[in-house]
Protein backbone atom coordinates (compact mmCIF):
# COMPACT_ATOMS: atom_id res chain seq x y z
CA MET A 1 1.49 16.45 -13.84
CA PRO A 2 2.72 19.61 -15.56
CA TYR A 3 5.37 19.36 -18.29
CA VAL A 4 8.84 20.48 -17.13
CA ASN A 5 11.11 21.79 -19.85
CA GLN A 6 14.55 20.42 -19.01
CA GLU A 7 16.24 23.23 -20.94
CA ASN A 8 15.14 25.59 -18.13
CA ILE A 9 16.68 23.44 -15.39
CA PRO A 10 20.08 24.62 -14.08
CA GLU A 11 22.94 22.35 -15.18
CA TRP A 12 23.75 21.25 -11.62
CA MET A 13 20.22 19.77 -11.34
CA ASN A 14 20.56 17.64 -14.48
CA TYR A 15 22.97 15.26 -12.83
CA GLY A 16 21.39 11.84 -12.73
CA LEU A 17 18.18 12.81 -14.58
CA LYS A 18 16.87 10.16 -16.91
CA GLY A 19 14.46 12.04 -19.11
CA SER A 20 11.93 13.75 -16.87
CA VAL A 21 11.27 15.38 -13.56
CA GLU A 22 8.39 14.09 -11.51
CA GLN A 23 6.47 16.04 -8.95
CA LEU A 24 5.51 14.05 -5.93
CA PHE A 25 2.27 14.50 -3.98
CA ILE A 26 2.97 14.34 -0.25
CA PRO A 27 -0.18 14.51 1.83
CA SER A 28 -0.12 16.96 4.71
CA ASN A 29 -2.26 14.78 7.00
CA GLN A 30 -1.07 11.92 9.15
CA PRO A 31 -1.57 8.50 7.46
CA LEU A 32 -3.07 6.74 10.50
CA THR A 33 -5.44 9.61 11.17
CA ALA A 34 -6.57 9.60 7.51
CA GLU A 35 -7.03 5.81 7.56
CA LEU A 36 -9.10 5.89 10.76
CA SER A 37 -11.16 8.79 9.48
CA HIS A 38 -11.92 6.88 6.28
CA PHE A 39 -12.79 3.76 8.30
CA ILE A 40 -15.25 5.73 10.44
CA SER A 41 -16.80 7.22 7.32
CA CYS A 42 -17.28 3.71 5.94
CA VAL A 43 -18.86 2.51 9.16
CA ASN A 44 -21.23 5.48 9.07
CA GLY A 45 -22.18 4.68 5.47
CA GLU A 46 -20.68 7.95 4.18
CA ALA A 47 -17.90 6.30 2.12
CA THR A 48 -17.04 3.04 0.35
CA PRO A 49 -14.00 1.02 1.48
CA ARG A 50 -11.01 1.59 -0.80
CA ILE A 51 -9.99 -2.06 -0.53
CA SER A 52 -12.46 -4.93 -0.85
CA GLY A 53 -12.63 -7.74 1.66
CA GLU A 54 -11.49 -10.13 -1.07
CA ASN A 55 -8.41 -7.98 -1.85
CA ALA A 56 -7.55 -7.74 1.86
CA PHE A 57 -7.89 -11.51 2.22
CA ASP A 58 -5.60 -12.07 -0.78
CA ALA A 59 -3.02 -9.78 0.83
CA LEU A 60 -3.26 -11.77 4.07
CA LYS A 61 -2.65 -15.01 2.15
CA VAL A 62 0.54 -13.54 0.67
CA ILE A 63 1.70 -12.40 4.13
CA TRP A 64 0.98 -15.83 5.64
CA GLU A 65 2.88 -17.56 2.80
CA VAL A 66 5.92 -15.27 3.34
CA GLU A 67 5.80 -15.94 7.10
CA ASP A 68 5.63 -19.70 6.41
CA LYS A 69 8.60 -19.54 4.03
CA LEU A 70 10.65 -17.52 6.57
CA GLY A 71 9.62 -19.86 9.42
CA LEU A 72 8.30 -16.99 11.48
CA LEU A 73 5.26 -18.76 12.91
CA ALA A 74 5.31 -21.38 15.61
CA HIS A 75 1.63 -22.37 15.48
CA GLU A 76 0.42 -25.86 14.81
CA GLU A 77 -1.20 -24.80 11.51
CA THR A 78 1.23 -22.45 9.74
CA SER A 79 0.48 -22.99 6.11
CA ALA A 80 -1.37 -20.26 4.19
CA GLN A 81 -3.74 -22.89 2.81
CA SER A 82 -4.81 -24.08 6.22
CA LYS A 83 -5.33 -20.48 7.38
CA ALA A 84 -7.31 -19.69 4.28
CA SER A 85 -9.55 -22.73 4.73
CA ALA A 86 -10.05 -21.89 8.39
CA VAL A 87 -11.20 -18.36 7.53
CA ALA A 88 -13.37 -19.39 4.58
């Protein structure tokens, strides 16, 4: 990220600044298209998955626990532990 000298910023832009200006990278492609393209590349052996299966499973356990705490599931086995043991 390039350094931005705040002395060169017009006064009206300084309102609310807390020390620095950050440039954001906004991809021009569609997120779902990029995700599917990467998935296909992984299936074809041209790329490595960005997220491991273990990390994905950990994320699912967190989601299941949140669902359990919110009472969003009406299945017989709703605890994250029972789901995790069923998958493992």
